Protein backbone atom coordinates (compact mmCIF):
# COMPACT_ATOMS: atom_id res chain seq x y z
CA MET A 1 58.96 2.53 15.00
CA LYS A 2 62.45 3.41 13.86
CA PHE A 3 63.63 4.68 10.49
CA PRO A 4 66.99 3.61 9.02
CA ILE A 5 69.65 6.33 9.04
CA ASN A 6 72.66 5.36 6.94
CA LYS A 7 74.84 8.41 7.58
CA ILE A 8 74.95 11.37 9.96
CA PHE A 9 76.69 14.63 9.10
CA ILE A 10 77.52 16.90 12.05
CA ASP A 11 78.13 20.59 11.39
CA LYS A 12 81.28 21.45 13.33
CA LYS A 13 79.33 24.31 14.92
CA ALA A 14 76.89 21.77 16.39
CA LYS A 15 79.21 19.04 17.63
CA GLY A 16 79.39 20.26 21.24
CA PHE A 17 75.64 20.43 21.94
CA GLY A 18 73.90 17.94 24.20
CA LEU A 19 71.34 17.12 21.51
CA THR A 20 74.11 16.17 19.08
CA LYS A 21 75.71 13.85 21.62
CA ARG A 22 72.32 12.32 22.39
CA ILE A 23 71.67 11.59 18.71
CA LEU A 24 75.05 9.92 18.26
CA ARG A 25 74.58 7.88 21.44
CA ASN A 26 71.12 6.68 20.39
CA SER A 27 71.91 5.98 16.74
CA GLY A 28 75.15 4.05 16.55
CA THR A 29 75.35 5.34 12.96
CA PRO A 30 78.65 6.41 11.34
CA HIS A 31 79.05 10.17 11.39
CA GLU A 32 81.25 12.79 9.79
CA ILE A 33 82.10 16.31 10.96
CA VAL A 34 81.50 18.82 8.16
CA THR A 35 81.02 22.48 7.42
CA GLY A 36 77.80 23.59 5.78
CA HIS A 37 79.31 24.06 2.33
CA ASP A 38 80.70 20.49 2.39
CA LEU A 39 77.22 19.06 1.84
CA HIS A 40 76.17 18.38 -1.72
CA SER A 41 72.60 18.10 -2.94
CA CYS A 42 71.11 14.63 -2.93
CA THR A 43 68.01 12.80 -4.11
CA ILE A 44 64.84 12.70 -2.04
CA ASN A 45 65.28 8.98 -1.40
CA LYS A 46 68.89 9.36 -0.20
CA GLY A 47 67.99 12.39 1.91
CA LYS A 48 65.41 10.38 3.83
CA LYS A 49 68.21 8.16 5.18
CA THR A 50 70.78 10.89 5.85
CA LEU A 51 70.71 13.16 8.91
CA TYR A 52 72.37 16.56 9.11
CA VAL A 53 72.76 18.12 12.57
CA THR A 54 73.49 21.83 12.52
CA VAL A 55 72.64 25.11 14.28
CA PRO A 56 69.73 27.44 13.49
CA GLN A 57 70.18 30.38 11.18
CA GLY A 58 67.71 33.13 12.14
CA GLU A 59 64.29 32.69 13.70
CA VAL A 60 63.00 29.16 14.23
CA ILE A 61 59.52 30.03 15.56
CA LYS A 62 57.32 31.37 12.79
CA GLN A 63 53.70 31.78 11.84
CA CYS A 64 52.46 28.79 9.85
CA PRO A 65 52.69 29.81 6.19
CA GLY A 66 49.15 28.58 5.59
CA THR A 67 47.80 30.25 2.48
CA GLY A 68 46.51 33.64 1.42
CA GLU A 69 43.08 35.29 1.44
CA PRO A 70 40.27 34.58 0.74
CA TYR A 71 41.04 31.28 2.45
CA ILE A 72 40.89 31.34 6.25
CA CYS A 73 43.85 30.16 8.31
CA CYS A 74 44.03 29.62 12.06
CA ARG A 75 47.16 31.58 13.05
CA TYR A 76 49.02 28.51 14.15
CA PHE A 77 52.70 28.92 15.01
CA VAL A 78 55.48 26.47 14.27
CA ILE A 79 58.89 25.66 15.70
CA ASN A 80 61.00 24.47 12.79
CA GLN A 81 63.58 22.58 14.85
CA GLN A 82 63.48 19.69 12.39
CA ILE A 83 63.18 19.73 8.63
CA GLN A 84 62.25 16.94 6.21
CA CYS A 85 60.68 13.57 6.99
CA PRO A 86 61.80 9.93 6.71
CA MET A 87 58.34 8.81 5.63
CA ASP A 88 57.35 9.03 1.97
CA CYS A 89 53.75 10.12 1.48
CA THR A 90 52.74 10.46 -2.16
CA TYR A 91 51.19 13.90 -1.66
CA CYS A 92 53.83 15.38 0.68
CA ILE A 93 54.56 19.01 -0.16
CA LEU A 94 58.08 18.68 1.28
CA GLN A 95 59.09 16.97 -1.98
CA ASN A 96 58.83 20.38 -3.60
CA TYR A 97 58.82 22.92 -0.78
CA LEU A 98 62.34 22.62 0.69
CA SER A 99 65.69 23.27 -0.95
CA SER A 100 67.51 20.45 0.86
CA ALA A 101 66.50 16.80 0.89
CA TYR A 102 68.53 15.97 4.00
CA LEU A 103 66.81 15.22 7.28
CA THR A 104 67.93 18.20 9.33
CA MET A 105 67.91 18.95 13.05
CA TYR A 106 68.95 22.11 14.84
CA ALA A 107 70.96 21.22 17.93
CA ASP A 108 70.84 24.45 19.96
CA ILE A 109 67.62 23.79 21.89
CA ASN A 110 68.39 26.53 24.43
CA LEU A 111 68.54 29.16 21.69
CA ILE A 112 65.30 27.88 20.19
CA CYS A 113 63.55 28.03 23.57
CA GLN A 114 64.90 31.54 24.12
CA GLN A 115 63.36 32.61 20.81
CA VAL A 116 60.02 31.12 21.84
CA GLU A 117 60.24 32.79 25.28
CA THR A 118 60.88 36.20 23.73
CA PHE A 119 57.98 35.76 21.34
CA LEU A 120 55.47 34.67 24.01
CA LYS A 121 56.32 37.59 26.30
CA LYS A 122 55.04 40.02 23.67
CA TYR A 123 51.49 38.66 23.96
CA PRO A 124 51.08 37.24 27.48
CA HIS A 125 47.25 37.14 27.74
CA ARG A 126 46.23 35.32 24.59
CA LEU A 127 46.39 31.62 23.68
CA PHE A 128 49.10 30.44 21.34
CA ARG A 129 48.99 27.06 19.64
CA ILE A 130 52.50 26.07 18.65
CA GLY A 131 53.52 22.91 16.82
CA THR A 132 56.71 21.17 15.74
CA GLY A 133 55.31 19.21 12.79
CA GLU A 134 55.06 21.72 9.95
CA LEU A 135 58.23 20.79 8.03
CA THR A 136 58.62 17.30 9.47
CA ASP A 137 56.81 14.66 11.47
CA SER A 138 57.06 15.66 15.15
CA LEU A 139 57.86 12.16 16.41
CA ALA A 140 59.49 10.28 13.53
CA LEU A 141 63.06 10.82 14.76
CA ASP A 142 62.31 11.25 18.44
CA TYR A 143 63.83 7.86 19.20
CA LEU A 144 67.14 9.53 18.25
CA SER A 145 66.73 13.08 19.53
CA GLU A 146 64.33 12.76 22.49
CA VAL A 147 63.65 16.43 21.78
CA THR A 148 59.98 16.07 22.74
CA VAL A 149 61.06 15.88 26.38
CA ASP A 150 63.06 19.11 26.02
CA PHE A 151 59.99 20.89 24.64
CA LEU A 152 57.59 19.35 27.17
CA LYS A 153 59.77 20.58 30.03
CA PHE A 154 59.97 24.06 28.51
CA PHE A 155 56.24 24.39 27.83
CA SER A 156 55.32 23.01 31.27
CA ARG A 157 56.14 26.50 32.58
CA LYS A 158 54.11 28.38 29.97
CA LYS A 159 50.60 29.66 30.61
CA ASN A 160 48.17 30.34 27.73
CA THR A 161 50.24 28.14 25.44
CA ILE A 162 49.62 24.72 23.90
CA ILE A 163 52.36 22.68 22.27
CA GLU A 164 51.23 20.22 19.60
CA PHE A 165 53.19 17.22 18.36
CA LYS A 166 51.71 16.06 15.05
CA THR A 167 52.58 12.63 13.68
CA LYS A 168 51.82 9.60 11.51
CA THR A 169 53.86 7.31 13.79
CA ASP A 170 53.40 5.52 17.10
CA THR A 171 56.73 6.72 18.52
CA ILE A 172 55.39 7.96 21.85
CA GLN A 173 57.81 6.39 24.35
CA ASN A 174 59.51 9.68 25.24
CA LEU A 175 56.21 11.54 25.49
CA LEU A 176 54.93 9.09 28.07
CA ARG A 177 57.92 9.92 30.30
CA PHE A 178 56.69 13.51 30.76
CA PRO A 179 52.88 13.88 30.64
CA LEU A 180 51.75 17.49 30.26
CA ASP A 181 48.28 19.05 30.52
CA ASN A 182 48.92 21.73 27.90
CA ALA A 183 50.26 19.40 25.22
CA VAL A 184 48.23 18.01 22.32
CA ILE A 185 49.42 14.83 20.65
CA SER A 186 47.74 14.64 17.26
CA TRP A 187 47.55 12.21 14.40
CA SER A 188 46.91 12.65 10.71
CA VAL A 189 44.34 10.01 9.84
CA ASN A 190 43.21 8.31 6.67
CA PRO A 191 41.54 4.97 5.92
CA GLN A 192 43.97 2.08 6.28
CA GLU A 193 43.62 1.23 2.59
CA LEU A 194 44.94 4.71 1.77
CA VAL A 195 47.55 4.72 4.54
CA LYS A 196 49.04 1.54 3.08
CA LYS A 197 49.12 2.85 -0.47
CA TYR A 198 49.87 6.57 -0.13
CA GLU A 199 51.52 7.08 3.29
CA ILE A 200 54.57 4.91 2.80
CA HIS A 201 56.58 3.86 5.89
CA SER A 202 54.02 5.41 8.26
CA ALA A 203 52.32 3.58 11.13
CA SER A 204 49.05 1.81 10.42
CA LEU A 205 45.84 3.51 11.49
CA LYS A 206 45.43 0.86 14.19
CA LYS A 207 48.86 1.64 15.65
CA ARG A 208 48.21 5.39 15.55
CA LEU A 209 44.96 4.96 17.49
CA ARG A 210 46.54 2.61 20.00
CA ALA A 211 49.22 5.25 20.61
CA ALA A 212 46.51 7.92 20.99
CA GLN A 213 44.83 5.81 23.64
CA LYS A 214 48.08 5.52 25.59
CA CYS A 215 48.67 9.28 25.41
CA GLN A 216 45.12 9.97 26.56
CA ASP A 217 45.58 7.63 29.52
CA LYS A 218 48.65 9.65 30.56
CA GLY A 219 46.64 12.88 30.55
CA PHE A 220 47.53 14.42 27.19
CA MET A 221 44.94 16.16 25.03
CA LEU A 222 44.48 14.66 21.57
CA GLY A 223 44.02 15.98 18.06
CA PHE A 224 43.04 14.37 14.78
CA HIS A 225 43.67 15.78 11.33
CA PHE A 226 41.60 14.52 8.41
CA ASP A 227 44.07 16.20 6.11
CA PRO A 228 44.43 15.55 3.30
CA LEU A 229 41.06 14.00 2.59
CA LEU A 230 41.51 11.85 -0.50
CA TYR A 231 38.77 11.38 -3.08
CA VAL A 232 38.72 7.69 -3.96
CA GLN A 233 36.06 5.12 -4.70
CA ASN A 234 34.02 4.36 -1.55
CA TRP A 235 35.50 7.36 0.24
CA GLU A 236 32.36 7.91 2.31
CA GLU A 237 32.36 4.38 3.68
CA PHE A 238 36.13 4.49 4.31
CA TYR A 239 36.06 7.74 6.30
CA LYS A 240 33.00 6.70 8.29
CA GLU A 241 34.97 3.63 9.38
CA VAL A 242 37.92 5.81 10.42
CA ILE A 243 35.63 7.94 12.59
CA ASP A 244 34.11 4.83 14.17
CA GLN A 245 37.58 3.54 14.98
CA ILE A 246 38.59 6.83 16.59
CA PHE A 247 35.53 6.94 18.82
CA SER A 248 35.94 3.33 19.85
CA SER A 249 39.59 3.98 20.78
CA VAL A 250 39.59 7.27 22.72
CA ASP A 251 37.44 9.44 24.96
CA SER A 252 36.21 12.23 22.69
CA SER A 253 36.13 14.70 25.59
CA ARG A 254 39.95 14.59 25.45
CA ILE A 255 40.02 15.68 21.80
CA ALA A 256 41.16 19.31 21.66
CA TRP A 257 40.47 19.75 17.96
CA VAL A 258 39.77 18.02 14.66
CA SER A 259 40.77 19.53 11.33
CA LEU A 260 39.38 18.90 7.87
CA GLY A 261 41.37 19.69 4.75
CA SER A 262 41.19 18.43 1.19
CA LEU A 263 44.11 17.36 -0.96
CA ARG A 264 45.86 20.47 -2.29
CA TYR A 265 49.31 21.24 -3.58
CA PRO A 266 51.26 23.61 -5.84
CA PRO A 267 51.15 22.64 -9.54
CA GLU A 268 54.89 21.95 -9.68
CA LEU A 269 54.46 19.15 -7.11
CA GLN A 270 52.26 17.24 -9.54
CA ARG A 271 55.22 16.70 -11.87
CA ILE A 272 57.32 15.30 -9.00
CA MET A 273 54.53 12.99 -7.86
CA LYS A 274 53.98 11.62 -11.35
CA LYS A 275 57.68 10.87 -11.63
CA ARG A 276 58.04 9.26 -8.19
CA PHE A 277 54.62 7.60 -7.90
CA PRO A 278 53.32 7.12 -11.47
CA GLY A 279 50.74 4.48 -10.53
CA HIS A 280 49.09 6.41 -7.70
CA GLN A 281 45.56 7.31 -8.75
CA ILE A 282 45.13 10.36 -6.49
CA ILE A 283 47.53 12.28 -8.72
CA TYR A 284 45.15 12.07 -11.68
CA GLU A 285 41.85 13.21 -10.14
CA GLU A 286 40.25 16.42 -11.40
CA MET A 287 41.71 19.50 -9.71
CA ILE A 288 41.17 23.25 -10.13
CA LEU A 289 43.61 26.09 -9.53
CA GLY A 290 42.63 28.12 -6.47
CA LEU A 291 43.36 31.80 -5.96
CA ASP A 292 46.32 30.86 -3.77
CA GLY A 293 47.92 29.13 -6.75
CA LYS A 294 47.36 25.63 -5.36
CA LEU A 295 45.55 22.79 -7.09
CA ARG A 296 42.59 21.44 -5.12
CA TYR A 297 39.40 19.47 -5.70
CA PRO A 298 36.52 21.46 -7.23
CA ARG A 299 34.48 23.29 -4.61
CA PRO A 300 31.28 21.17 -4.95
CA LEU A 301 33.28 18.00 -4.32
CA ARG A 302 35.11 19.50 -1.33
CA ILE A 303 31.82 20.63 0.17
CA ALA A 304 30.23 17.21 -0.35
CA MET A 305 33.13 15.41 1.33
CA PHE A 306 33.39 17.91 4.18
CA LYS A 307 29.67 17.83 4.85
CA LYS A 308 29.48 14.04 5.15
CA ILE A 309 32.48 13.85 7.46
CA TYR A 310 31.56 16.91 9.54
CA ASP A 311 28.00 15.68 10.10
CA TYR A 312 29.14 12.23 11.15
CA LEU A 313 31.74 13.65 13.55
CA LYS A 314 29.09 15.88 15.12
CA PHE A 315 26.70 12.92 15.33
CA LYS A 316 29.36 11.14 17.35
CA ASP A 317 30.07 14.14 19.61
CA ALA A 318 28.20 17.42 19.21
CA ASP A 319 30.80 19.25 21.33
CA LEU A 320 33.80 18.47 19.10
CA PHE A 321 35.77 21.50 17.95
CA ILE A 322 36.14 21.10 14.19
CA TYR A 323 37.80 23.53 11.82
CA PHE A 324 38.83 23.73 8.19
CA CYS A 325 42.41 24.12 7.06
CA MET A 326 42.75 26.64 4.23
CA GLU A 327 39.12 27.00 3.16
CA SER A 328 36.95 29.95 2.19
CA VAL A 329 34.13 31.54 4.17
CA ASP A 330 31.67 30.13 1.62
CA VAL A 331 32.78 26.55 2.32
CA TRP A 332 32.51 27.12 6.08
CA GLU A 333 28.96 28.40 5.66
CA ARG A 334 27.81 25.63 3.36
CA VAL A 335 29.15 22.88 5.59
CA MET A 336 28.80 24.24 9.14
CA GLY A 337 26.23 27.00 8.72
CA LYS A 338 28.64 29.46 10.30
CA ASN A 339 32.06 30.97 9.66
CA PRO A 340 34.70 32.76 11.75
CA GLU A 341 34.79 35.69 9.27
CA SER A 342 38.56 36.11 9.53
CA ASN A 343 41.79 34.55 10.73
CA ALA A 344 41.40 36.48 13.97
CA GLY A 345 37.92 35.07 14.40
CA LEU A 346 39.09 31.48 14.02
CA ASP A 347 42.04 32.11 16.33
CA TYR A 348 39.57 33.36 18.95
CA TRP A 349 37.25 30.38 18.44
CA PHE A 350 40.14 28.09 19.36
CA ALA A 351 40.81 30.04 22.55
CA GLU A 352 37.14 30.02 23.56
CA SER A 353 36.86 26.29 22.99
CA ILE A 354 40.01 25.38 24.93
CA TYR A 355 39.13 27.76 27.79
CA THR A 356 35.64 26.27 28.10
CA ARG A 357 36.38 22.60 27.58
CA PHE A 358 39.71 22.29 29.43
CA PRO A 359 39.42 24.44 32.58
CA GLN A 360 42.30 22.57 34.20
CA LEU A 361 44.69 24.55 31.99
CA ASN A 362 43.93 27.72 34.02
CA MET A 363 44.01 29.91 30.93
CA ASP A 364 43.20 33.59 31.05
CA SER A 365 39.64 34.23 29.91
CA PRO A 366 40.01 35.06 26.20
CA SER A 367 39.23 38.60 25.06
CA ARG A 368 38.46 39.13 21.39
CA ASP A 369 40.60 42.29 21.36
CA ASP A 370 43.74 40.24 22.07
CA TYR A 371 43.14 38.29 18.86
CA GLU A 372 42.06 41.16 16.64
CA GLY A 373 45.20 43.07 17.55
CA TYR A 374 47.68 40.44 16.45
CA PRO A 375 49.29 41.16 13.04
CA ASP A 376 48.62 38.67 10.25
CA GLU A 377 51.66 37.91 8.14
CA ARG A 378 50.04 35.97 5.28
CA LEU A 379 49.68 37.02 1.68
CA THR A 380 46.53 38.79 0.52
CA TYR A 381 44.66 38.15 -2.71
CA LYS A 382 42.31 40.76 -4.15
CA LYS A 383 39.75 38.45 -5.81
CA LYS A 384 36.91 36.64 -4.08
CA ASP A 385 37.11 32.87 -4.14
CA LYS A 386 34.33 30.91 -5.78
CA ARG A 387 36.44 27.80 -6.23
């Protein structure tokens, strides 16, 4: 799938890079050379059809912002080489989170890879999971940039490291050119009825699963993210059908991980959603304010939804690695009957699972000390969460 780009702005500092030339060659879109201060703010809708190619300012690899205690996060790391997304999901936090609405790409891939190299050398014996889809969709603009191939080539030489490309598209053509054992191609999934209504311009669930099958056949690991889970009428039946479709499409032994996360967002995003999507029912469901300052479904509802989906996933494959995104120890216990106790504990659980289930990666045997010793950069809240 391809997204319409009406105009491309090229920062004069970025015009000589190979990635810039590749984008212009693949797009055929009119472009203009600018300096950073030449760009004026624009609406969200206009930004989704305007691409700005520039150079990175500061560090591009960062710890996923996640959320603060008492919610547990997994110590995921992100490469923010691209910012903003051409799709238009009702609940997308990027509507509120970023200062610029322009689709943005950083052209200096060598500098970005050098930053990643320097970072990885500090902790050579532990597993790092690194993704490119935190502030964008990893594959949405890959038909222009082909940057997935750059990253696949770089990470092909990296031990104890997994690169994840997270998407709602079926734009996998470039991925299939360079299969890689230590790459996870993952899809956010929701029932097709909800995809059609709330995940505007994204690929259908059927197309996502067909793409997953093709990636699996090339040797990639897979991931699926039930995030955000949306509370709607007949939700249980809808999500059961999604799980059935996944298991009829792919070999579950190739699934590296599955995440569960409920709809959540900062209060100020609700105002933007009501203005842009006034008829979308998910905006008006009951929410409570968590200790991280985000609105989320009440805890009993989250637990009920998680429990149904977790149990059915485990019924399908008892060996699946399933984790929660931004949930408290209490929720882990009530749904799974266990909890990782801390961010370090969850980080270590990932390493143990990958080491055991994917021996072909030749990872170092994980030691808990390597995960306890890593500094956690998230915020800390003093209260205990009961919400």
